Amino acid sequence: MSLFFYITIMTGLALIYYGYVKKLEADLKKKELDIEEKKLDLEIKREESRLIIEEQSDKGL
């Protein structure tokens, strides 16, 4: 086999690996964004429940 053949195979494998790594990084970033969104939703629910409790305590006075 010629040197060109081996260079072509190595380049192909490198490109496949590069694509795989980038896909994993994109998936990780997506999961991080999902977790951040869930944290924000939880914080909003906490604030809403705190406000409801304050309103109920103010009505009780």
N, C-alpha and C. Protein backbone atom coordinates (compact mmCIF):
# COMPACT_ATOMS: atom_id res chain seq x y z
N MET A 1 0.85 -1.18 0.00
CA MET A 1 0.00 0.00 0.00
C MET A 1 0.89 1.24 0.00
N SER A 2 0.37 2.26 -0.57
CA SER A 2 1.16 3.48 -0.67
C SER A 2 0.98 4.37 0.56
N LEU A 3 1.85 5.30 0.67
CA LEU A 3 1.81 6.25 1.77
C LEU A 3 0.52 7.08 1.72
N PHE A 4 0.07 7.42 0.53
CA PHE A 4 -1.16 8.20 0.37
C PHE A 4 -2.35 7.48 0.99
N PHE A 5 -2.43 6.18 0.84
CA PHE A 5 -3.52 5.39 1.39
C PHE A 5 -3.54 5.50 2.92
N TYR A 6 -2.39 5.36 3.55
CA TYR A 6 -2.32 5.44 5.02
C TYR A 6 -2.64 6.85 5.52
N ILE A 7 -2.20 7.85 4.80
CA ILE A 7 -2.51 9.23 5.18
C ILE A 7 -4.02 9.46 5.09
N THR A 8 -4.63 8.94 4.05
CA THR A 8 -6.08 9.08 3.87
C THR A 8 -6.84 8.38 5.00
N ILE A 9 -6.42 7.18 5.35
CA ILE A 9 -7.07 6.45 6.45
C ILE A 9 -6.91 7.20 7.76
N MET A 10 -5.73 7.69 8.06
CA MET A 10 -5.48 8.42 9.31
C MET A 10 -6.30 9.70 9.35
N THR A 11 -6.38 10.39 8.24
CA THR A 11 -7.18 11.62 8.18
C THR A 11 -8.65 11.32 8.41
N GLY A 12 -9.15 10.27 7.80
CA GLY A 12 -10.54 9.87 8.00
C GLY A 12 -10.84 9.53 9.44
N LEU A 13 -9.96 8.76 10.06
CA LEU A 13 -10.16 8.41 11.47
C LEU A 13 -10.10 9.64 12.37
N ALA A 14 -9.19 10.56 12.06
CA ALA A 14 -9.09 11.79 12.85
C ALA A 14 -10.37 12.61 12.73
N LEU A 15 -10.93 12.69 11.54
CA LEU A 15 -12.16 13.45 11.35
C LEU A 15 -13.33 12.80 12.08
N ILE A 16 -13.40 11.49 12.05
CA ILE A 16 -14.46 10.78 12.77
C ILE A 16 -14.33 11.03 14.27
N TYR A 17 -13.11 10.94 14.79
CA TYR A 17 -12.88 11.19 16.21
C TYR A 17 -13.23 12.62 16.59
N TYR A 18 -12.82 13.59 15.75
CA TYR A 18 -13.11 15.00 16.00
C TYR A 18 -14.63 15.22 16.05
N GLY A 19 -15.36 14.63 15.12
CA GLY A 19 -16.81 14.76 15.12
C GLY A 19 -17.44 14.15 16.36
N TYR A 20 -16.92 13.02 16.80
CA TYR A 20 -17.43 12.35 18.00
C TYR A 20 -17.20 13.21 19.24
N VAL A 21 -16.02 13.78 19.35
CA VAL A 21 -15.70 14.63 20.51
C VAL A 21 -16.59 15.87 20.51
N LYS A 22 -16.78 16.49 19.36
CA LYS A 22 -17.63 17.68 19.28
C LYS A 22 -19.08 17.34 19.62
N LYS A 23 -19.54 16.18 19.22
CA LYS A 23 -20.90 15.76 19.54
C LYS A 23 -21.05 15.58 21.05
N LEU A 24 -20.06 14.96 21.68
CA LEU A 24 -20.11 14.79 23.13
C LEU A 24 -20.12 16.14 23.85
N GLU A 25 -19.31 17.08 23.37
CA GLU A 25 -19.26 18.39 23.98
C GLU A 25 -20.59 19.11 23.82
N ALA A 26 -21.21 18.98 22.66
CA ALA A 26 -22.51 19.62 22.42
C ALA A 26 -23.58 19.01 23.32
N ASP A 27 -23.56 17.69 23.48
CA ASP A 27 -24.52 17.02 24.36
C ASP A 27 -24.34 17.46 25.80
N LEU A 28 -23.09 17.59 26.23
CA LEU A 28 -22.80 18.04 27.59
C LEU A 28 -23.30 19.46 27.80
N LYS A 29 -23.07 20.33 26.83
CA LYS A 29 -23.52 21.71 26.94
C LYS A 29 -25.04 21.77 27.01
N LYS A 30 -25.71 20.92 26.22
CA LYS A 30 -27.17 20.88 26.24
C LYS A 30 -27.68 20.44 27.61
N LYS A 31 -27.04 19.45 28.20
CA LYS A 31 -27.44 18.99 29.53
C LYS A 31 -27.21 20.07 30.58
N GLU A 32 -26.10 20.79 30.46
CA GLU A 32 -25.82 21.88 31.40
C GLU A 32 -26.89 22.96 31.29
N LEU A 33 -27.30 23.29 30.07
CA LEU A 33 -28.35 24.29 29.89
C LEU A 33 -29.68 23.81 30.45
N ASP A 34 -29.99 22.54 30.29
CA ASP A 34 -31.21 21.98 30.84
C ASP A 34 -31.20 22.07 32.37
N ILE A 35 -30.08 21.76 32.96
CA ILE A 35 -29.96 21.83 34.43
C ILE A 35 -30.11 23.28 34.89
N GLU A 36 -29.51 24.21 34.18
CA GLU A 36 -29.61 25.62 34.53
C GLU A 36 -31.07 26.09 34.42
N GLU A 37 -31.77 25.62 33.40
CA GLU A 37 -33.18 25.98 33.23
C GLU A 37 -34.01 25.43 34.39
N LYS A 38 -33.73 24.22 34.81
CA LYS A 38 -34.46 23.63 35.94
C LYS A 38 -34.17 24.39 37.23
N LYS A 39 -32.92 24.84 37.40
CA LYS A 39 -32.58 25.62 38.58
C LYS A 39 -33.37 26.93 38.61
N LEU A 40 -33.47 27.58 37.44
CA LEU A 40 -34.22 28.83 37.38
C LEU A 40 -35.70 28.60 37.65
N ASP A 41 -36.26 27.53 37.11
CA ASP A 41 -37.66 27.22 37.37
C ASP A 41 -37.89 26.98 38.87
N LEU A 42 -36.99 26.27 39.50
CA LEU A 42 -37.11 26.00 40.93
C LEU A 42 -37.02 27.30 41.72
N GLU A 43 -36.12 28.18 41.34
CA GLU A 43 -35.98 29.46 42.04
C GLU A 43 -37.25 30.30 41.88
N ILE A 44 -37.85 30.28 40.70
CA ILE A 44 -39.10 31.01 40.47
C ILE A 44 -40.21 30.44 41.34
N LYS A 45 -40.30 29.13 41.43
CA LYS A 45 -41.33 28.50 42.26
C LYS A 45 -41.13 28.83 43.73
N ARG A 46 -39.87 28.88 44.17
CA ARG A 46 -39.59 29.23 45.57
C ARG A 46 -40.05 30.65 45.86
N GLU A 47 -39.75 31.58 44.95
CA GLU A 47 -40.15 32.97 45.15
C GLU A 47 -41.66 33.10 45.16
N GLU A 48 -42.32 32.40 44.24
CA GLU A 48 -43.78 32.46 44.20
C GLU A 48 -44.38 31.91 45.48
N SER A 49 -43.85 30.83 45.97
CA SER A 49 -44.39 30.25 47.20
C SER A 49 -44.10 31.17 48.39
N ARG A 50 -42.94 31.82 48.38
CA ARG A 50 -42.62 32.76 49.46
C ARG A 50 -43.58 33.93 49.45
N LEU A 51 -43.89 34.44 48.24
CA LEU A 51 -44.82 35.56 48.14
C LEU A 51 -46.23 35.15 48.58
N ILE A 52 -46.64 33.95 48.22
CA ILE A 52 -47.96 33.47 48.63
C ILE A 52 -48.04 33.36 50.15
N ILE A 53 -46.99 32.84 50.75
CA ILE A 53 -46.97 32.71 52.21
C ILE A 53 -47.01 34.08 52.87
N GLU A 54 -46.28 35.05 52.30
CA GLU A 54 -46.30 36.41 52.85
C GLU A 54 -47.68 37.03 52.73
N GLU A 55 -48.34 36.82 51.59
CA GLU A 55 -49.68 37.37 51.40
C GLU A 55 -50.66 36.74 52.41
N GLN A 56 -50.54 35.45 52.62
CA GLN A 56 -51.43 34.79 53.56
C GLN A 56 -51.18 35.26 54.98
N SER A 57 -49.93 35.50 55.33
CA SER A 57 -49.64 35.98 56.69
C SER A 57 -50.10 37.42 56.86
N ASP A 58 -50.03 38.23 55.79
CA ASP A 58 -50.52 39.60 55.87
C ASP A 58 -52.05 39.65 56.01
N LYS A 59 -52.74 38.74 55.35
CA LYS A 59 -54.20 38.68 55.46
C LYS A 59 -54.62 38.20 56.84
N GLY A 60 -53.79 37.40 57.45
CA GLY A 60 -54.11 36.86 58.77
C GLY A 60 -53.98 37.89 59.86
N LEU A 61 -53.23 38.98 59.60
CA LEU A 61 -53.04 40.00 60.64
C LEU A 61 -54.18 40.91 60.77
